[in-house]
């Protein structure tokens, strides 16, 4: 169920809800298309103002997805920073070595994303810095097929 459908069925205009939230109509219109972009406080005001049932709240605001995204942020904040930093260094070195060996260059933003995403995968796979040692390392075996595929589809700066 869309928030716009629910709002209309209750007889409210976008302008009325925007005024209640103390935001302008353009902002409300944009947020109504993606209800998860409302803050929790704004969601509560909307629910009270439109008298939205708990069941409809789950449908409209996609609480499950919203909560899981927030949990992912909490999980990242609580991770072991020493382990994260060690893996970040190792992933950075691994990607750098791979690019040098392949004589390829990436845009900085793409290299950053590759390092960050690789680090997140390595962290979640519970790899350790020693898993990056050697030409037949566990990490290299894990990431090499992905890099070869990605590099094959990437337009390199020569």
Protein backbone atom coordinates (compact mmCIF):
# COMPACT_ATOMS: atom_id res chain seq x y z
CA UNK A 1 0.00 0.00 0.00
CA UNK A 2 1.31 3.42 -0.91
CA UNK A 3 1.28 6.32 1.51
CA UNK A 4 -0.42 8.48 -1.14
CA UNK A 5 -3.25 5.94 -1.45
CA UNK A 6 -3.68 5.80 2.32
CA UNK A 7 -3.61 9.59 2.65
CA UNK A 8 -6.17 10.02 -0.14
CA UNK A 9 -8.45 7.33 1.31
CA UNK A 10 -8.50 9.27 4.60
CA UNK A 11 -9.44 12.48 2.74
CA UNK A 12 -6.22 14.44 3.32
CA UNK A 13 -4.25 16.45 0.78
CA UNK A 14 -0.47 16.48 0.49
CA UNK A 15 -0.55 20.14 1.55
CA UNK A 16 -2.38 19.32 4.80
CA UNK A 17 0.13 16.62 5.75
CA UNK A 18 3.10 18.78 4.73
CA UNK A 19 1.78 21.62 6.91
CA UNK A 20 1.35 19.22 9.83
CA UNK A 21 4.98 18.10 9.41
CA UNK A 22 6.11 21.70 9.00
CA UNK A 23 7.86 20.97 5.70
CA UNK A 24 7.18 22.42 2.27
CA UNK A 25 4.94 20.70 -0.25
CA UNK A 26 7.77 19.85 -2.67
CA UNK A 27 9.71 18.08 0.08
CA UNK A 28 6.63 16.20 1.23
CA UNK A 29 5.82 15.13 -2.33
CA UNK A 30 9.34 13.71 -2.74
CA UNK A 31 9.28 11.95 0.63
CA UNK A 32 5.81 10.51 0.06
CA UNK A 33 7.22 8.57 -2.89
CA UNK A 34 9.80 6.97 -0.56
CA UNK A 35 8.22 6.89 2.91
CA UNK A 36 11.38 5.43 4.46
CA UNK A 37 13.01 8.82 3.87
CA UNK A 38 10.85 10.31 6.64
CA UNK A 39 12.47 10.51 10.04
CA UNK A 40 10.96 8.32 12.74
CA UNK A 41 9.45 11.43 14.36
CA UNK A 42 7.85 12.43 11.04
CA UNK A 43 6.51 8.90 10.60
CA UNK A 44 4.92 9.09 14.06
CA UNK A 45 3.29 12.45 13.26
CA UNK A 46 1.88 11.06 10.00
CA UNK A 47 0.56 7.94 11.73
CA UNK A 48 -1.15 10.00 14.43
CA UNK A 49 -2.51 12.61 11.99
CA UNK A 50 -3.89 10.08 9.52
CA UNK A 51 -4.73 7.50 12.22
CA UNK A 52 -2.82 4.76 10.42
CA UNK A 53 -3.22 1.28 11.92
CA UNK A 54 -0.16 -0.71 12.96
CA UNK A 55 -0.71 -3.14 10.08
CA UNK A 56 -0.86 -0.32 7.55
CA UNK A 57 2.24 1.26 9.11
CA UNK A 58 4.20 -1.90 8.38
CA UNK A 59 3.08 -1.80 4.75
CA UNK A 60 3.49 1.93 4.16
CA UNK A 61 6.77 2.60 5.90
CA UNK A 62 8.40 -0.77 5.19
CA UNK A 63 9.50 -0.94 8.82
CA UNK A 64 11.18 -4.30 8.42
CA UNK A 65 13.48 -3.01 5.67
CA UNK A 66 13.98 0.27 7.48
CA UNK A 67 15.00 -1.50 10.69
CA UNK A 68 17.34 -3.92 8.91
CA UNK A 69 19.12 -1.01 7.18
CA UNK A 70 19.51 0.72 10.54
CA UNK A 71 20.77 -2.54 12.07
CA UNK A 72 23.43 -2.72 9.35
CA UNK A 73 24.61 0.77 10.38
CA UNK A 74 24.72 -0.32 14.03
CA UNK A 75 26.60 -3.50 13.10
CA UNK A 76 29.23 -1.47 11.22
CA UNK A 77 29.59 0.91 14.19
CA UNK A 78 30.11 -1.96 16.60
CA UNK A 79 32.61 -3.92 14.56
CA UNK A 80 36.12 -4.49 15.81
CA UNK A 81 37.99 -1.43 14.51
CA UNK A 82 41.43 -3.04 14.87
CA UNK A 83 40.39 -6.01 12.75
CA UNK A 84 38.59 -3.73 10.27
CA UNK A 85 41.65 -1.50 9.83
CA UNK A 86 43.96 -4.49 9.37
CA UNK A 87 41.66 -5.97 6.72
CA UNK A 88 41.28 -2.56 5.08
CA UNK A 89 45.06 -2.36 4.72
CA UNK A 90 45.27 -5.90 3.35
CA UNK A 91 42.44 -5.41 0.86
CA UNK A 92 43.99 -2.16 -0.30
CA UNK A 93 47.36 -3.86 -0.82
CA UNK A 94 45.76 -6.83 -2.58
CA UNK A 95 43.85 -4.63 -5.04
CA UNK A 96 46.87 -2.41 -5.62
CA UNK A 97 49.09 -5.44 -6.31
CA UNK A 98 46.48 -6.90 -8.64
CA UNK A 99 46.15 -3.66 -10.63
CA UNK A 100 49.92 -3.30 -10.90
CA UNK A 101 50.31 -6.91 -12.02
CA UNK A 102 47.56 -6.45 -14.64
CA UNK A 103 48.97 -3.02 -15.58
CA UNK A 104 45.57 -1.41 -15.06
CA UNK A 105 44.44 1.83 -13.47
CA UNK A 106 41.09 2.63 -11.86
CA UNK A 107 39.40 5.88 -11.10
CA UNK A 108 39.89 6.77 -7.45
CA UNK A 109 36.20 6.43 -6.56
CA UNK A 110 36.06 2.96 -8.14
CA UNK A 111 39.20 1.88 -6.34
CA UNK A 112 37.79 3.19 -3.06
CA UNK A 113 34.56 1.22 -3.56
CA UNK A 114 36.51 -1.92 -4.48
CA UNK A 115 38.64 -1.65 -1.33
CA UNK A 116 35.70 -0.82 0.94
CA UNK A 117 33.43 -3.57 -0.43
CA UNK A 118 36.25 -6.13 -0.34
CA UNK A 119 37.00 -5.20 3.25
CA UNK A 120 33.37 -5.59 4.22
CA UNK A 121 33.24 -9.03 2.56
CA UNK A 122 36.52 -10.07 4.18
CA UNK A 123 35.32 -8.87 7.59
CA UNK A 124 32.00 -10.68 7.30
CA UNK A 125 33.76 -13.83 6.05
CA UNK A 126 35.94 -13.62 9.17
CA UNK A 127 39.17 -13.49 7.16
CA UNK A 128 42.32 -12.57 9.03
CA UNK A 129 45.29 -10.53 7.80
CA UNK A 130 47.31 -13.76 7.41
CA UNK A 131 44.69 -14.97 4.89
CA UNK A 132 46.08 -12.35 2.49
CA UNK A 133 49.68 -13.62 2.49
CA UNK A 134 51.11 -15.30 -0.61
CA UNK A 135 50.20 -15.63 -4.26
CA UNK A 136 47.81 -18.50 -3.45
CA UNK A 137 46.23 -16.84 -0.43
CA UNK A 138 42.72 -17.60 0.70
CA UNK A 139 41.68 -13.96 0.14
CA UNK A 140 43.11 -13.78 -3.37
CA UNK A 141 41.36 -17.01 -4.35
CA UNK A 142 38.16 -15.60 -2.92
CA UNK A 143 38.34 -12.22 -4.69
CA UNK A 144 40.23 -12.98 -7.91
CA UNK A 145 37.25 -14.24 -9.96
CA UNK A 146 35.30 -11.13 -8.98
CA UNK A 147 38.15 -8.79 -9.94
CA UNK A 148 38.75 -10.54 -13.26
CA UNK A 149 35.06 -10.26 -14.09
CA UNK A 150 34.82 -6.63 -12.97
CA UNK A 151 38.03 -5.65 -14.71
CA UNK A 152 36.82 -7.24 -17.91
CA UNK A 153 33.78 -4.97 -17.82
CA UNK A 154 35.64 -1.86 -16.73
CA UNK A 155 36.91 0.89 -19.01
CA UNK A 156 40.41 1.57 -17.75
CA UNK A 157 42.40 4.72 -17.94
CA UNK A 158 45.55 3.90 -19.89
